[in-house]
């Protein structure tokens, strides 16, 4: 019985796993391709300075819920929040120095393939 309990304890975090990717800029650009499992999410995160501009775009083979967000304490702010979109683009202008996350939630029963592209222009501080 203890072995089963131990196996369940080890398996539960794996079941809850979602893909979180740190943004690694390459000449002020970042791109990422991923497959989002059913009922899971993909999030790409990176530090932005106030005034930074990030041109973003993504394309998927099926709709996902998409947002750009950041946390201040327990509060979450969403500069962008869209439901059930397969592609979108825009520009984030960082309102504060913070870690920003671009996040896609797959609410479907099938995997969703996503291609993400970010291009950064520094604020010039």
C-alpha atoms as a PDB file:
ATOM      1  CA  UNK A   1       0.000   0.000   0.000  1.00  0.00           C
ATOM      2  CA  UNK A   2       2.856   2.409   0.794  1.00  0.00           C
ATOM      3  CA  UNK A   3       4.375   1.754  -2.630  1.00  0.00           C
ATOM      4  CA  UNK A   4       1.095   2.704  -4.334  1.00  0.00           C
ATOM      5  CA  UNK A   5       0.825   5.872  -2.248  1.00  0.00           C
ATOM      6  CA  UNK A   6       4.418   6.791  -3.122  1.00  0.00           C
ATOM      7  CA  UNK A   7       3.806   6.192  -6.831  1.00  0.00           C
ATOM      8  CA  UNK A   8       0.667   8.344  -6.751  1.00  0.00           C
ATOM      9  CA  UNK A   9       2.553  11.111  -4.945  1.00  0.00           C
ATOM     10  CA  UNK A  10       5.233  11.054  -7.629  1.00  0.00           C
ATOM     11  CA  UNK A  11       2.709  10.908 -10.493  1.00  0.00           C
ATOM     12  CA  UNK A  12       0.449  13.797  -9.445  1.00  0.00           C
ATOM     13  CA  UNK A  13       3.034  16.570 -10.087  1.00  0.00           C
ATOM     14  CA  UNK A  14       3.771  15.049 -13.506  1.00  0.00           C
ATOM     15  CA  UNK A  15       0.063  15.109 -14.393  1.00  0.00           C
ATOM     16  CA  UNK A  16      -0.177  18.758 -13.374  1.00  0.00           C
ATOM     17  CA  UNK A  17       2.886  19.698 -15.462  1.00  0.00           C
ATOM     18  CA  UNK A  18       2.523  22.381 -18.065  1.00  0.00           C
ATOM     19  CA  UNK A  19       5.169  23.863 -20.321  1.00  0.00           C
ATOM     20  CA  UNK A  20       6.817  27.031 -18.955  1.00  0.00           C
ATOM     21  CA  UNK A  21       9.627  28.451 -21.103  1.00  0.00           C
ATOM     22  CA  UNK A  22      12.057  31.229 -20.183  1.00  0.00           C
ATOM     23  CA  UNK A  23      12.467  33.777 -22.971  1.00  0.00           C
ATOM     24  CA  UNK A  24      16.048  33.753 -24.217  1.00  0.00           C
ATOM     25  CA  UNK A  25      16.507  36.698 -26.557  1.00  0.00           C
ATOM     26  CA  UNK A  26      18.676  36.170 -29.643  1.00  0.00           C
ATOM     27  CA  UNK A  27      19.412  39.553 -31.253  1.00  0.00           C
ATOM     28  CA  UNK A  28      16.208  40.931 -29.667  1.00  0.00           C
ATOM     29  CA  UNK A  29      14.125  38.086 -31.108  1.00  0.00           C
ATOM     30  CA  UNK A  30      12.595  34.942 -29.623  1.00  0.00           C
ATOM     31  CA  UNK A  31      10.706  32.144 -31.313  1.00  0.00           C
ATOM     32  CA  UNK A  32       9.275  28.912 -29.987  1.00  0.00           C
ATOM     33  CA  UNK A  33       7.267  25.990 -31.323  1.00  0.00           C
ATOM     34  CA  UNK A  34       5.346  23.671 -29.023  1.00  0.00           C
ATOM     35  CA  UNK A  35       2.546  21.180 -28.818  1.00  0.00           C
ATOM     36  CA  UNK A  36       0.156  21.931 -25.963  1.00  0.00           C
ATOM     37  CA  UNK A  37      -1.397  18.780 -24.504  1.00  0.00           C
ATOM     38  CA  UNK A  38      -5.167  18.669 -23.923  1.00  0.00           C
ATOM     39  CA  UNK A  39      -6.228  20.621 -20.819  1.00  0.00           C
ATOM     40  CA  UNK A  40      -2.668  22.008 -20.351  1.00  0.00           C
ATOM     41  CA  UNK A  41      -0.982  25.315 -21.106  1.00  0.00           C
ATOM     42  CA  UNK A  42       2.149  26.864 -22.569  1.00  0.00           C
ATOM     43  CA  UNK A  43       3.668  29.963 -21.032  1.00  0.00           C
ATOM     44  CA  UNK A  44       6.728  31.901 -22.203  1.00  0.00           C
ATOM     45  CA  UNK A  45       8.067  34.356 -19.630  1.00  0.00           C
ATOM     46  CA  UNK A  46      10.671  37.079 -19.541  1.00  0.00           C
ATOM     47  CA  UNK A  47      11.733  40.259 -17.777  1.00  0.00           C
ATOM     48  CA  UNK A  48      10.771  43.528 -19.464  1.00  0.00           C
ATOM     49  CA  UNK A  49      11.724  47.043 -18.457  1.00  0.00           C
ATOM     50  CA  UNK A  50       9.126  49.818 -18.306  1.00  0.00           C
ATOM     51  CA  UNK A  51       8.678  51.213 -21.818  1.00  0.00           C
ATOM     52  CA  UNK A  52      10.017  48.154 -23.640  1.00  0.00           C
ATOM     53  CA  UNK A  53       8.047  47.267 -26.757  1.00  0.00           C
ATOM     54  CA  UNK A  54       7.573  43.629 -27.700  1.00  0.00           C
ATOM     55  CA  UNK A  55       5.937  42.883 -31.040  1.00  0.00           C
ATOM     56  CA  UNK A  56       4.325  39.454 -30.680  1.00  0.00           C
ATOM     57  CA  UNK A  57       2.525  37.038 -32.934  1.00  0.00           C
ATOM     58  CA  UNK A  58       1.435  33.441 -32.794  1.00  0.00           C
ATOM     59  CA  UNK A  59      -0.323  30.896 -34.941  1.00  0.00           C
ATOM     60  CA  UNK A  60      -1.876  27.611 -33.867  1.00  0.00           C
ATOM     61  CA  UNK A  61      -3.636  24.775 -35.637  1.00  0.00           C
ATOM     62  CA  UNK A  62      -6.689  25.203 -33.347  1.00  0.00           C
ATOM     63  CA  UNK A  63      -8.069  27.858 -30.973  1.00  0.00           C
ATOM     64  CA  UNK A  64      -6.654  28.416 -27.482  1.00  0.00           C
ATOM     65  CA  UNK A  65      -7.317  30.952 -24.746  1.00  0.00           C
ATOM     66  CA  UNK A  66      -4.458  33.488 -24.871  1.00  0.00           C
ATOM     67  CA  UNK A  67      -3.246  36.185 -22.504  1.00  0.00           C
ATOM     68  CA  UNK A  68      -0.274  38.334 -21.617  1.00  0.00           C
ATOM     69  CA  UNK A  69      -0.012  38.897 -17.883  1.00  0.00           C
ATOM     70  CA  UNK A  70       2.217  39.869 -14.981  1.00  0.00           C
ATOM     71  CA  UNK A  71       1.983  39.453 -11.215  1.00  0.00           C
ATOM     72  CA  UNK A  72       2.382  42.080  -8.494  1.00  0.00           C
ATOM     73  CA  UNK A  73       1.958  40.280  -5.191  1.00  0.00           C
ATOM     74  CA  UNK A  74      -1.324  38.373  -5.422  1.00  0.00           C
ATOM     75  CA  UNK A  75      -2.701  40.660  -8.145  1.00  0.00           C
ATOM     76  CA  UNK A  76      -2.546  39.644 -11.804  1.00  0.00           C
ATOM     77  CA  UNK A  77      -2.753  42.256 -14.575  1.00  0.00           C
ATOM     78  CA  UNK A  78      -3.667  41.279 -18.149  1.00  0.00           C
ATOM     79  CA  UNK A  79      -2.478  43.729 -20.841  1.00  0.00           C
ATOM     80  CA  UNK A  80      -3.971  41.245 -23.354  1.00  0.00           C
ATOM     81  CA  UNK A  81      -6.669  38.594 -22.856  1.00  0.00           C
ATOM     82  CA  UNK A  82      -8.414  36.737 -25.695  1.00  0.00           C
ATOM     83  CA  UNK A  83     -10.661  33.681 -25.712  1.00  0.00           C
ATOM     84  CA  UNK A  84     -10.688  30.947 -28.352  1.00  0.00           C
ATOM     85  CA  UNK A  85      -8.222  32.304 -30.925  1.00  0.00           C
ATOM     86  CA  UNK A  86      -6.013  30.323 -33.310  1.00  0.00           C
ATOM     87  CA  UNK A  87      -3.758  33.276 -34.176  1.00  0.00           C
ATOM     88  CA  UNK A  88      -3.172  36.857 -33.138  1.00  0.00           C
ATOM     89  CA  UNK A  89      -0.561  39.599 -33.102  1.00  0.00           C
ATOM     90  CA  UNK A  90       0.079  42.864 -31.333  1.00  0.00           C
ATOM     91  CA  UNK A  91       2.591  44.915 -29.383  1.00  0.00           C
ATOM     92  CA  UNK A  92       3.117  44.877 -25.646  1.00  0.00           C
ATOM     93  CA  UNK A  93       4.368  48.147 -24.168  1.00  0.00           C
ATOM     94  CA  UNK A  94       5.659  47.241 -20.700  1.00  0.00           C
ATOM     95  CA  UNK A  95       3.934  49.496 -18.169  1.00  0.00           C
ATOM     96  CA  UNK A  96       6.284  48.528 -15.311  1.00  0.00           C
ATOM     97  CA  UNK A  97       9.552  46.639 -14.799  1.00  0.00           C
ATOM     98  CA  UNK A  98       8.269  43.083 -14.428  1.00  0.00           C
ATOM     99  CA  UNK A  99       8.308  39.482 -15.620  1.00  0.00           C
ATOM    100  CA  UNK A 100       5.650  39.189 -18.335  1.00  0.00           C
ATOM    101  CA  UNK A 101       4.088  35.915 -19.439  1.00  0.00           C
ATOM    102  CA  UNK A 102       2.539  35.047 -22.809  1.00  0.00           C
ATOM    103  CA  UNK A 103       0.182  32.140 -22.088  1.00  0.00           C
ATOM    104  CA  UNK A 104      -1.923  29.742 -24.186  1.00  0.00           C
ATOM    105  CA  UNK A 105      -4.461  27.390 -22.549  1.00  0.00           C
ATOM    106  CA  UNK A 106      -5.654  24.367 -24.492  1.00  0.00           C
ATOM    107  CA  UNK A 107      -9.210  23.641 -23.365  1.00  0.00           C
ATOM    108  CA  UNK A 108      -9.768  21.022 -26.086  1.00  0.00           C
ATOM    109  CA  UNK A 109      -9.400  17.247 -26.021  1.00  0.00           C
ATOM    110  CA  UNK A 110      -6.704  17.319 -28.758  1.00  0.00           C
ATOM    111  CA  UNK A 111      -3.116  18.649 -28.744  1.00  0.00           C
ATOM    112  CA  UNK A 112      -2.658  22.120 -30.242  1.00  0.00           C
ATOM    113  CA  UNK A 113       0.519  23.123 -32.096  1.00  0.00           C
ATOM    114  CA  UNK A 114       1.649  26.729 -31.545  1.00  0.00           C
ATOM    115  CA  UNK A 115       4.344  28.852 -33.209  1.00  0.00           C
ATOM    116  CA  UNK A 116       5.317  31.990 -31.250  1.00  0.00           C
ATOM    117  CA  UNK A 117       7.460  34.935 -32.339  1.00  0.00           C
ATOM    118  CA  UNK A 118       8.507  37.912 -30.181  1.00  0.00           C
ATOM    119  CA  UNK A 119      10.628  40.904 -31.251  1.00  0.00           C
ATOM    120  CA  UNK A 120      11.917  43.292 -28.632  1.00  0.00           C
ATOM    121  CA  UNK A 121      12.708  47.004 -28.814  1.00  0.00           C
ATOM    122  CA  UNK A 122      14.338  48.326 -25.637  1.00  0.00           C
ATOM    123  CA  UNK A 123      13.007  51.441 -23.956  1.00  0.00           C
ATOM    124  CA  UNK A 124      16.342  53.271 -24.220  1.00  0.00           C
ATOM    125  CA  UNK A 125      16.558  53.979 -20.485  1.00  0.00           C
END
